[in-house]
Amino acid sequence: MAESDKKIQRPGHAQTFFGIFARRGRQIVAVCLTLIGFGFDDAFADKRVALVIGNSAYVNAPRLVNPANDAKDVSAALKRIGFDVITGLDLDRNGMDSATIRFARAARDSDIAVFYYSGHAMQFAGANYLMPIDAKLSDEADLRLMVRADDVVSDLQQAKNLKILVLDSCRDNPLAAELKRSIGRTRSASVSDGLAKIESPQGMIVAYATQAGRTADDGAGRNSPYTTAFLRHIEEQNEIGAVFRRISADVYNSTNRSQLPELSLSLIGEIYLKGMPAINPSSEAEIAALQARLRSMEEQLRQKAANEAQPPSKLPENTRQQAALSSAGNSPSERSGSQRVVLYEEDPNNAQGKQSIGKIIWRSGKDGRGFSVRGDLEIPDRNIKASLVFRRNEDKSLPASHTVEVQFNSEKDGGVSVANIPGILMKQTEQTRGTPLAGLAVKVTDNFFLIGLSNVDKDKEKNIALLKEKMWFDLPLVYENKKRAIIAIEKGAIGGDIFNSAFASWAE
């Protein structure tokens, strides 16, 4: 029997923009989002899919008490945090094939994919097999009638960002013992207790109910010990790696340290399935003080931008071109290099959105305001041109270590009308999830924005490391028409050298 669940409204992106300039980090996150009016939680509605299978009613082995309950409860929890869930209860081989095929198709265009299995499984010759309820093991040929865990891993890897494999399936398996007897003493060593360890590919979490090669308890309550801990923590507002470590710790403690889950994570950046932790302010007065401080910073950023330069979009075309060159240096540039740009936009006619390719030219140089790094990007299909200028902040009254000026050509020039830029994220590749720079973005004039990066020592150190080490930028946008977009910007080798040289110069 299999259940198909209707699509539900998904919450926004798992990541949230970090606030700045305070000792109480969690409080500042909320305050900054209030001031900016937009967070990365709203940047894009990510697609989350899951396949949850619970096999209890085995025909050729004793019935398991918990798996069907486990599957029902895990499915309900995942729905509550925005997953489209395929639920399979007591599936025979045909049912498991059908469910995994549906899941493979759904995972192709997903951002986050989860496979959760509760029931009998076994390993043979280092490969893991998930057992349908009609499984029998007269000899090793019957293994072909089971689902290979490696195939599930391949399906999960289609998801763009986060992949999660959970196997609550290391129970004592009488069918495995039967196979051992049938194939003889010499080859029975190929059949091992528990499951073989799977090394998690990049972007994946692999979680077993217990360590590889060991068996787990079925539990005496409604759910197994592992599923009980999973349900306790999966809906927490916490980073996903921390969530799974807490699950493992709960299982270990609840089983009197007899069952330690196997956990393998290979993640880049921080991912939050339900947003950042809730705010618990110590007093209304403290929050009010933080709000006042951030409003003051916002006003300083506006005043700084207004005093220093007229936005290039207000200048005649020939003057605008000269301004672009002078921002890069007294000579056109010290160094320059062209890299790739990808614009992802929401499209009401296409659930996958619209993608446009462009390029960015990175330059570095000196002007009357010191050394800067400038990127001039162009996306021909959308007639979009923009510039990003990175500087070290020399204004001691402004609580920022560095500033980033972002300027777009206006809609009347064939470009776009941008209402808001929440900030900047850094990532290693185009497809990976980014980590936000700690800072505050302020709209100065139409299509002209200024981002101040935090001068708090810890934030500053992290920001500089991200800017030096990561090879791509994500620049989320909100248009005036409320549509949303993200520009992925490649730094590349030359851009990397330019930024490293800039930080060396700024240090001097």
Protein backbone atom coordinates (compact mmCIF):
# COMPACT_ATOMS: atom_id res chain seq x y z
CA MET A 1 0.00 0.00 0.00
CA ALA A 2 1.31 3.46 -0.84
CA GLU A 3 0.04 6.92 0.02
CA SER A 4 0.47 9.93 -2.26
CA ASP A 5 0.38 13.31 -0.62
CA LYS A 6 -0.74 16.54 -2.21
CA LYS A 7 1.67 19.41 -2.62
CA ILE A 8 1.63 21.90 0.19
CA GLN A 9 2.88 25.45 0.52
CA ARG A 10 6.61 25.43 1.12
CA PRO A 11 8.39 27.78 3.46
CA GLY A 12 11.22 29.87 2.14
CA HIS A 13 14.89 29.12 1.74
CA ALA A 14 16.54 27.25 4.55
CA GLN A 15 19.21 29.88 5.05
CA THR A 16 18.69 33.16 6.92
CA PHE A 17 20.71 36.40 6.62
CA PHE A 18 22.99 37.02 9.59
CA GLY A 19 22.70 40.29 11.47
CA ILE A 20 25.64 42.34 12.68
CA PHE A 21 27.10 44.79 15.19
CA ALA A 22 26.08 43.31 18.53
CA ARG A 23 27.10 40.90 21.21
CA ARG A 24 23.81 39.02 21.18
CA GLY A 25 23.95 37.36 17.75
CA ARG A 26 20.52 35.71 17.76
CA GLN A 27 18.74 38.90 18.72
CA ILE A 28 20.54 40.87 16.06
CA VAL A 29 19.38 38.45 13.35
CA ALA A 30 15.76 39.28 14.12
CA VAL A 31 16.41 43.01 14.41
CA CYS A 32 18.24 43.18 11.09
CA LEU A 33 15.46 41.32 9.32
CA THR A 34 12.99 43.79 10.79
CA LEU A 35 14.99 46.76 9.52
CA ILE A 36 15.77 45.33 6.12
CA GLY A 37 12.29 43.91 5.68
CA PHE A 38 13.58 40.86 3.83
CA GLY A 39 15.69 37.85 4.66
CA PHE A 40 17.14 34.95 2.73
CA ASP A 41 14.27 32.88 4.12
CA ASP A 42 12.20 34.69 1.49
CA ALA A 43 14.72 34.58 -1.35
CA PHE A 44 13.30 31.53 -3.12
CA ALA A 45 10.74 28.88 -2.25
CA ASP A 46 12.88 25.76 -2.38
CA LYS A 47 11.47 22.45 -3.53
CA ARG A 48 11.63 19.75 -0.86
CA VAL A 49 10.75 16.14 -1.62
CA ALA A 50 10.85 12.99 0.51
CA LEU A 51 10.20 9.28 0.24
CA VAL A 52 9.37 7.61 3.56
CA ILE A 53 8.92 3.82 3.70
CA GLY A 54 7.89 1.74 6.71
CA ASN A 55 7.80 -2.05 6.26
CA SER A 56 6.32 -4.00 9.18
CA ALA A 57 4.15 -6.85 7.85
CA TYR A 58 6.81 -9.26 6.57
CA VAL A 59 5.44 -12.45 5.03
CA ASN A 60 8.49 -14.66 5.57
CA ALA A 61 9.74 -13.15 8.83
CA PRO A 62 8.20 -12.05 12.13
CA ARG A 63 6.23 -8.81 11.94
CA LEU A 64 8.04 -5.67 13.09
CA VAL A 65 6.13 -3.47 15.50
CA ASN A 66 7.40 0.03 14.74
CA PRO A 67 8.21 0.70 11.06
CA ALA A 68 4.68 1.52 9.85
CA ASN A 69 4.26 3.91 12.81
CA ASP A 70 7.71 5.35 12.14
CA ALA A 71 6.83 6.08 8.51
CA LYS A 72 3.49 7.72 9.34
CA ASP A 73 5.00 9.97 12.01
CA VAL A 74 8.12 10.92 10.02
CA SER A 75 5.94 11.76 6.99
CA ALA A 76 3.77 14.05 9.09
CA ALA A 77 6.81 15.83 10.56
CA LEU A 78 8.40 16.38 7.15
CA LYS A 79 5.15 17.79 5.75
CA ARG A 80 5.06 20.32 8.57
CA ILE A 81 8.44 21.70 7.44
CA GLY A 82 7.52 21.98 3.79
CA PHE A 83 8.23 18.60 2.16
CA ASP A 84 6.17 16.97 -0.55
CA VAL A 85 6.13 13.43 0.84
CA ILE A 86 5.62 10.06 -0.82
CA THR A 87 4.70 7.63 1.96
CA GLY A 88 4.93 3.85 1.49
CA LEU A 89 3.56 1.45 4.11
CA ASP A 90 4.19 -2.31 3.98
CA LEU A 91 5.43 -2.32 0.40
CA ASP A 92 6.11 -5.48 -1.59
CA ARG A 93 8.78 -5.47 -4.30
CA ASN A 94 6.49 -3.91 -6.92
CA GLY A 95 5.40 -1.25 -4.43
CA MET A 96 8.99 -0.36 -3.53
CA ASP A 97 9.95 -0.16 -7.20
CA SER A 98 7.01 2.14 -7.92
CA ALA A 99 7.74 4.39 -4.93
CA THR A 100 11.47 4.73 -5.66
CA ILE A 101 10.77 5.53 -9.35
CA ARG A 102 8.35 8.30 -8.35
CA PHE A 103 10.92 9.62 -5.91
CA ALA A 104 13.71 9.56 -8.50
CA ARG A 105 11.59 11.70 -10.82
CA ALA A 106 10.65 14.14 -8.06
CA ALA A 107 14.27 14.51 -6.92
CA ARG A 108 15.45 15.67 -10.35
CA ASP A 109 14.39 19.28 -9.86
CA SER A 110 14.40 19.39 -6.06
CA ASP A 111 16.55 21.53 -3.81
CA ILE A 112 16.36 19.17 -0.83
CA ALA A 113 15.61 15.44 -0.96
CA VAL A 114 15.14 12.97 1.91
CA PHE A 115 14.86 9.16 1.88
CA TYR A 116 13.77 7.61 5.19
CA TYR A 117 13.48 3.83 5.53
CA SER A 118 12.29 1.83 8.52
CA GLY A 119 12.22 -1.95 8.24
CA HIS A 120 14.47 -4.92 7.53
CA ALA A 121 17.72 -4.47 5.60
CA MET A 122 20.97 -6.37 5.25
CA GLN A 123 24.39 -6.24 3.67
CA PHE A 124 25.90 -8.81 1.35
CA ALA A 125 29.44 -8.53 0.01
CA GLY A 126 29.64 -4.93 1.15
CA ALA A 127 26.38 -3.80 -0.52
CA ASN A 128 23.25 -2.81 1.40
CA TYR A 129 19.78 -4.12 0.50
CA LEU A 130 16.37 -2.87 1.68
CA MET A 131 13.80 -5.62 2.04
CA PRO A 132 10.20 -5.48 0.79
CA ILE A 133 7.59 -7.32 2.87
CA ASP A 134 7.46 -10.28 0.43
CA ALA A 135 11.24 -10.81 0.56
CA LYS A 136 12.64 -14.32 0.81
CA LEU A 137 16.24 -15.48 0.75
CA SER A 138 16.53 -19.00 -0.54
CA ASP A 139 19.89 -18.08 -2.05
CA GLU A 140 21.80 -14.98 -3.15
CA ALA A 141 19.85 -14.70 -6.42
CA ASP A 142 16.87 -13.49 -4.36
CA LEU A 143 18.85 -10.34 -3.54
CA ARG A 144 17.91 -9.11 -7.00
CA LEU A 145 14.35 -8.75 -5.74
CA MET A 146 15.42 -6.19 -3.14
CA VAL A 147 16.22 -2.46 -3.39
CA ARG A 148 19.92 -1.59 -3.39
CA ALA A 149 20.78 1.33 -1.13
CA ASP A 150 23.34 2.48 -3.72
CA ASP A 151 20.49 3.10 -6.19
CA VAL A 152 18.72 5.26 -3.62
CA VAL A 153 21.91 7.28 -3.10
CA SER A 154 22.08 7.89 -6.86
CA ASP A 155 18.48 9.15 -6.84
CA LEU A 156 19.21 11.48 -3.92
CA GLN A 157 22.23 12.97 -5.65
CA GLN A 158 19.96 14.57 -8.22
CA ALA A 159 18.85 17.16 -5.64
CA LYS A 160 20.61 20.51 -6.04
CA ASN A 161 21.49 21.31 -2.45
CA LEU A 162 20.88 18.99 0.48
CA LYS A 163 20.43 15.20 0.35
CA ILE A 164 19.53 13.11 3.41
CA LEU A 165 19.54 9.30 3.65
CA VAL A 166 18.21 7.79 6.89
CA LEU A 167 18.18 4.00 7.36
CA ASP A 168 16.48 2.91 10.59
CA SER A 169 16.89 -0.65 9.52
CA CYS A 170 19.64 -2.45 11.40
CA ARG A 171 17.30 -4.77 13.31
CA ASP A 172 18.11 -8.43 13.87
CA ASN A 173 17.18 -10.06 10.54
CA PRO A 174 16.16 -13.75 10.46
CA LEU A 175 16.16 -13.76 6.64
CA ALA A 176 19.85 -12.89 6.61
CA ALA A 177 20.51 -15.84 8.91
CA GLU A 178 18.58 -18.05 6.50
CA LEU A 179 20.73 -16.88 3.60
CA LYS A 180 23.87 -17.67 5.57
CA ARG A 181 22.69 -21.25 6.03
CA SER A 182 21.74 -21.66 2.38
CA ILE A 183 25.03 -20.51 0.86
CA GLY A 184 27.29 -22.54 3.12
CA ARG A 185 29.94 -21.79 5.69
CA THR A 186 32.65 -20.73 3.20
CA ARG A 187 30.66 -17.93 1.58
CA SER A 188 28.47 -16.99 4.54
CA ALA A 189 31.06 -14.42 5.58
CA SER A 190 29.65 -12.26 2.77
CA VAL A 191 26.52 -11.83 4.91
CA SER A 192 27.24 -9.48 7.80
CA ASP A 193 25.26 -8.08 10.68
CA GLY A 194 23.98 -4.55 10.29
CA LEU A 195 24.76 -2.42 7.25
CA ALA A 196 27.91 -1.53 5.35
CA LYS A 197 29.09 2.03 5.80
CA ILE A 198 28.31 4.50 3.00
CA GLU A 199 30.63 7.48 2.67
CA SER A 200 28.43 10.51 2.09
CA PRO A 201 28.96 12.31 -1.23
CA GLN A 202 29.23 16.10 -1.20
CA GLY A 203 26.07 17.76 0.06
CA MET A 204 24.71 14.59 1.68
CA ILE A 205 23.92 13.37 5.18
CA VAL A 206 23.93 9.59 5.71
CA ALA A 207 22.44 8.45 9.02
CA TYR A 208 22.10 4.87 10.30
CA ALA A 209 20.18 3.92 13.43
CA THR A 210 23.36 2.34 14.76
CA GLN A 211 26.99 1.90 13.81
CA ALA A 212 27.86 0.05 10.64
CA GLY A 213 28.01 -3.70 11.17
CA ARG A 214 25.84 -3.65 14.29
CA THR A 215 22.16 -4.26 15.00
CA ALA A 216 19.72 -1.78 16.54
CA ASP A 217 16.81 -2.11 18.96
CA ASP A 218 13.27 -2.16 17.62
CA GLY A 219 12.03 -0.33 20.70
CA ALA A 220 9.11 -0.97 23.03
CA GLY A 221 7.01 2.12 22.26
CA ARG A 222 5.21 3.44 19.20
CA ASN A 223 8.49 4.28 17.46
CA SER A 224 12.01 2.90 17.37
CA PRO A 225 14.63 4.68 19.50
CA TYR A 226 16.10 6.33 16.41
CA THR A 227 12.78 7.55 14.99
CA THR A 228 11.76 8.79 18.45
CA ALA A 229 14.87 10.99 18.54
CA PHE A 230 14.42 12.05 14.90
CA LEU A 231 10.87 13.24 15.60
CA ARG A 232 12.05 15.13 18.67
CA HIS A 233 14.62 17.20 16.78
CA ILE A 234 13.87 17.41 13.04
CA GLU A 235 11.50 20.38 13.42
CA GLU A 236 13.91 22.41 15.52
CA GLN A 237 15.14 25.78 14.32
CA ASN A 238 18.74 24.67 14.16
CA GLU A 239 21.48 23.99 11.64
CA ILE A 240 20.89 20.59 10.03
CA GLY A 241 24.25 19.12 11.08
CA ALA A 242 23.54 20.05 14.70
CA VAL A 243 20.06 18.50 14.40
CA PHE A 244 21.47 15.12 13.37
CA ARG A 245 24.18 15.20 16.02
CA ARG A 246 21.49 15.80 18.63
CA ILE A 247 19.50 12.87 17.26
CA SER A 248 22.54 10.61 17.62
CA ALA A 249 23.19 11.80 21.17
CA ASP A 250 19.56 11.16 22.15
CA VAL A 251 19.64 7.62 20.80
CA TYR A 252 22.90 6.88 22.61
CA ASN A 253 21.56 8.17 25.91
CA SER A 254 18.08 6.61 25.63
CA THR A 255 19.55 3.14 24.96
CA ASN A 256 21.91 3.31 27.96
CA ARG A 257 24.83 3.86 25.58
CA SER A 258 24.28 0.55 23.81
CA GLN A 259 23.29 2.05 20.43
CA LEU A 260 25.35 4.77 18.78
CA PRO A 261 24.03 5.92 15.39
CA GLU A 262 26.37 6.06 12.41
CA LEU A 263 26.48 9.60 11.02
CA SER A 264 28.34 10.93 8.00
CA LEU A 265 28.02 14.54 6.83
CA SER A 266 29.59 16.22 3.82
CA LEU A 267 28.14 19.72 3.77
CA ILE A 268 29.33 23.15 2.69
CA GLY A 269 27.83 26.09 4.55
CA GLU A 270 24.99 26.11 7.08
CA ILE A 271 21.50 24.83 6.25
CA TYR A 272 18.38 25.46 8.31
CA LEU A 273 15.25 23.47 7.45
CA LYS A 274 13.10 25.65 9.68
CA GLY A 275 14.97 28.93 9.87
CA MET A 276 17.31 30.31 12.50
CA PRO A 277 16.70 29.77 16.24
CA ALA A 278 13.95 31.72 17.91
CA ILE A 279 14.77 34.95 19.69
CA ASN A 280 14.64 35.10 23.48
CA PRO A 281 15.44 38.71 24.38
CA SER A 282 16.42 39.42 27.93
CA SER A 283 14.48 42.68 27.93
CA GLU A 284 12.46 44.94 25.65
CA ALA A 285 14.86 47.76 26.48
CA GLU A 286 17.85 45.79 25.16
CA ILE A 287 16.12 45.04 21.87
CA ALA A 288 15.06 48.68 21.54
CA ALA A 289 18.67 49.75 22.04
CA LEU A 290 19.86 47.35 19.36
CA GLN A 291 17.20 48.58 16.97
CA ALA A 292 18.26 52.17 17.55
CA ARG A 293 21.89 51.28 16.93
CA LEU A 294 21.10 49.57 13.64
CA ARG A 295 18.87 52.43 12.49
CA SER A 296 21.75 54.76 13.22
CA MET A 297 24.06 52.62 11.13
CA GLU A 298 21.52 52.58 8.30
CA GLU A 299 21.36 56.37 8.33
CA GLN A 300 25.17 56.60 8.34
CA LEU A 301 25.34 54.32 5.31
CA ARG A 302 22.81 56.46 3.46
CA GLN A 303 24.63 59.66 4.34
CA LYS A 304 28.00 58.19 3.36
CA ALA A 305 26.70 57.17 -0.07
CA ALA A 306 25.00 60.52 -0.64
CA ASN A 307 28.13 62.49 0.28
CA GLU A 308 30.65 60.46 -1.69
CA ALA A 309 29.20 60.13 -5.15
CA GLN A 310 26.24 60.70 -7.39
CA PRO A 311 24.99 57.31 -8.62
CA PRO A 312 26.29 56.58 -12.12
CA SER A 313 22.76 56.06 -13.47
CA LYS A 314 22.13 59.80 -13.04
CA LEU A 315 25.07 60.76 -15.24
CA PRO A 316 25.21 61.13 -19.03
CA GLU A 317 26.37 58.01 -20.86
CA ASN A 318 29.89 59.28 -21.65
CA THR A 319 30.37 60.49 -18.07
CA ARG A 320 29.07 57.17 -16.76
CA GLN A 321 31.69 55.30 -18.77
CA GLN A 322 34.44 57.57 -17.42
CA ALA A 323 33.14 57.03 -13.88
CA ALA A 324 33.29 53.28 -14.36
CA LEU A 325 36.93 53.50 -15.37
CA SER A 326 37.89 55.90 -12.60
CA SER A 327 36.30 53.67 -9.98
CA ALA A 328 38.60 50.89 -11.08
CA GLY A 329 41.74 53.01 -10.92
CA ASN A 330 43.56 56.10 -12.23
CA SER A 331 44.64 53.97 -15.12
CA PRO A 332 41.79 51.75 -16.38
CA SER A 333 42.92 48.89 -14.11
CA GLU A 334 45.89 47.20 -12.61
CA ARG A 335 44.54 43.74 -13.43
CA SER A 336 41.35 42.45 -15.02
CA GLY A 337 39.65 39.16 -15.88
CA SER A 338 36.28 37.99 -17.27
CA GLN A 339 34.21 35.33 -15.49
CA ARG A 340 30.76 33.75 -15.69
CA VAL A 341 27.48 35.14 -14.33
CA VAL A 342 24.14 33.28 -14.05
CA LEU A 343 20.82 35.04 -13.34
CA TYR A 344 18.03 32.90 -11.87
CA GLU A 345 14.58 34.53 -11.91
CA GLU A 346 11.14 33.45 -10.77
CA ASP A 347 8.84 32.67 -13.67
CA PRO A 348 5.07 32.13 -13.12
CA ASN A 349 4.98 29.98 -16.26
CA ASN A 350 7.84 27.72 -15.24
CA ALA A 351 8.23 26.21 -11.79
CA GLN A 352 11.97 25.84 -12.39
CA GLY A 353 12.34 29.56 -13.06
CA LYS A 354 14.25 31.28 -15.83
CA GLN A 355 18.03 31.27 -16.30
CA SER A 356 20.16 33.79 -18.20
CA ILE A 357 23.91 33.70 -18.74
CA GLY A 358 26.25 36.67 -18.62
CA LYS A 359 29.78 37.66 -17.69
CA ILE A 360 31.62 39.86 -15.20
CA ILE A 361 34.96 41.61 -15.61
CA TRP A 362 36.93 41.99 -12.39
CA ARG A 363 39.33 44.93 -12.04
CA SER A 364 41.42 46.40 -9.27
CA GLY A 365 43.04 49.78 -8.94
CA LYS A 366 43.47 53.00 -6.96
CA ASP A 367 41.48 56.20 -7.07
CA GLY A 368 41.04 59.19 -4.79
CA ARG A 369 39.33 56.95 -2.23
CA GLY A 370 42.04 54.30 -2.16
CA PHE A 371 42.36 50.78 -3.50
CA SER A 372 39.19 49.03 -4.69
CA VAL A 373 37.99 45.89 -6.46
CA ARG A 374 35.36 46.44 -9.12
CA GLY A 375 33.23 43.95 -11.03
CA ASP A 376 31.25 45.07 -14.10
CA LEU A 377 28.68 42.49 -15.08
CA GLU A 378 26.44 42.20 -18.12
CA ILE A 379 23.58 39.81 -18.87
CA PRO A 380 22.75 40.43 -22.55
CA ASP A 381 19.51 38.38 -22.72
CA ARG A 382 17.98 40.58 -20.01
CA ASN A 383 19.81 43.77 -21.00
CA ILE A 384 21.08 44.02 -17.43
CA LYS A 385 24.29 45.81 -16.51
CA ALA A 386 25.56 46.26 -12.99
CA SER A 387 28.69 47.13 -11.04
CA LEU A 388 29.98 45.95 -7.67
CA VAL A 389 32.72 47.96 -5.96
CA PHE A 390 34.44 46.58 -2.84
CA ARG A 391 36.37 49.00 -0.61
CA ARG A 392 37.95 49.07 2.82
CA ASN A 393 35.97 51.47 4.96
CA GLU A 394 38.05 54.51 5.99
CA ASP A 395 35.22 56.37 7.72
CA LYS A 396 35.81 55.81 11.45
CA SER A 397 32.30 56.96 12.31
CA LEU A 398 30.78 54.15 10.25
CA PRO A 399 30.73 50.74 12.02
CA ALA A 400 31.81 48.73 8.98
CA SER A 401 35.08 47.05 8.03
CA HIS A 402 34.42 47.16 4.27
CA THR A 403 31.69 48.45 1.99
CA VAL A 404 30.20 47.12 -1.24
CA GLU A 405 28.50 49.50 -3.68
CA VAL A 406 26.00 47.81 -6.02
CA GLN A 407 24.61 49.74 -9.01
CA PHE A 408 22.14 48.48 -11.66
CA ASN A 409 21.13 50.11 -14.91
CA SER A 410 17.55 51.31 -14.54
CA GLU A 411 14.40 49.88 -16.07
CA LYS A 412 14.06 52.89 -18.37
CA ASP A 413 17.46 51.98 -19.81
CA GLY A 414 16.21 48.45 -20.54
CA GLY A 415 17.48 47.02 -17.27
CA VAL A 416 15.59 46.17 -14.09
CA SER A 417 14.08 48.02 -11.17
CA VAL A 418 15.51 46.52 -7.97
CA ALA A 419 13.65 47.21 -4.74
CA ASN A 420 15.91 45.36 -2.33
CA ILE A 421 19.20 43.50 -1.94
CA PRO A 422 19.30 41.53 1.34
CA GLY A 423 23.09 41.08 1.22
CA ILE A 424 25.74 38.83 -0.29
CA LEU A 425 26.46 35.11 0.11
CA MET A 426 29.70 33.28 -0.66
CA LYS A 427 29.94 29.73 -2.01
CA GLN A 428 32.51 27.42 -3.54
CA THR A 429 30.68 26.40 -6.75
CA GLU A 430 27.69 27.66 -8.69
CA GLN A 431 25.42 24.84 -7.45
CA THR A 432 26.33 24.83 -3.74
CA ARG A 433 24.45 26.69 -1.04
CA GLY A 434 26.04 29.94 0.05
CA THR A 435 27.10 31.32 3.42
CA PRO A 436 26.03 34.93 4.02
CA LEU A 437 28.51 37.70 4.76
CA ALA A 438 27.71 39.45 8.04
CA GLY A 439 26.53 42.91 7.10
CA LEU A 440 23.66 45.30 6.40
CA ALA A 441 22.35 46.37 2.97
CA VAL A 442 20.81 49.82 2.48
CA LYS A 443 19.01 51.21 -0.57
CA VAL A 444 20.45 54.64 -1.32
CA THR A 445 18.63 55.61 -4.51
CA ASP A 446 16.81 53.70 -7.25
CA ASN A 447 18.94 50.69 -8.26
CA PHE A 448 21.84 51.87 -6.08
CA PHE A 449 22.67 50.01 -2.86
CA LEU A 450 25.39 50.12 -0.24
CA ILE A 451 26.33 47.11 1.91
CA GLY A 452 28.34 47.60 5.08
CA LEU A 453 30.23 44.54 6.35
CA SER A 454 30.45 44.03 10.10
CA ASN A 455 33.51 45.39 11.93
CA VAL A 456 32.98 43.04 14.90
CA ASP A 457 36.24 41.08 15.08
CA LYS A 458 34.67 37.63 14.79
CA ASP A 459 32.41 38.70 11.89
CA LYS A 460 35.23 40.53 10.16
CA GLU A 461 37.53 37.51 10.32
CA LYS A 462 34.82 35.23 8.93
CA ASN A 463 33.86 37.68 6.16
CA ILE A 464 37.46 38.10 4.98
CA ALA A 465 38.01 34.33 4.97
CA LEU A 466 34.87 33.82 2.89
CA LEU A 467 35.80 36.58 0.44
CA LYS A 468 39.28 35.14 -0.01
CA GLU A 469 38.47 31.43 -0.12
CA LYS A 470 35.08 31.07 -1.85
CA MET A 471 34.94 31.26 -5.64
CA TRP A 472 31.34 32.39 -6.22
CA PHE A 473 29.05 35.16 -4.97
CA ASP A 474 25.25 34.94 -4.67
CA LEU A 475 23.46 38.30 -4.90
CA PRO A 476 19.72 37.90 -4.08
CA LEU A 477 17.39 40.54 -5.54
CA VAL A 478 13.79 41.64 -5.08
CA TYR A 479 12.38 43.58 -8.03
CA GLU A 480 9.90 46.40 -7.63
CA ASN A 481 7.21 44.10 -9.07
CA LYS A 482 7.88 41.73 -6.11
CA LYS A 483 9.49 39.04 -8.26
CA ARG A 484 12.69 37.56 -6.89
CA ALA A 485 16.00 36.60 -8.43
CA ILE A 486 19.54 35.53 -7.57
CA ILE A 487 22.67 36.43 -9.52
CA ALA A 488 25.44 33.84 -9.17
CA ILE A 489 28.78 35.55 -9.88
CA GLU A 490 32.02 33.69 -10.49
CA LYS A 491 35.20 35.07 -8.98
CA GLY A 492 37.52 32.73 -10.86
CA ALA A 493 41.29 32.45 -10.59
CA ILE A 494 42.03 35.99 -11.74
CA GLY A 495 39.29 37.42 -9.54
CA GLY A 496 40.68 35.43 -6.65
CA ASP A 497 44.13 36.92 -7.20
CA ILE A 498 42.61 40.40 -7.43
CA PHE A 499 40.77 40.00 -4.12
CA ASN A 500 43.83 38.56 -2.39
CA SER A 501 45.94 41.49 -3.63
CA ALA A 502 43.26 43.90 -2.47
CA PHE A 503 43.19 42.49 1.05
CA ALA A 504 46.98 42.65 1.19
CA SER A 505 46.83 46.30 0.12
CA TRP A 506 44.04 47.11 2.60
CA ALA A 507 46.04 45.50 5.40
CA GLU A 508 48.87 47.91 4.67
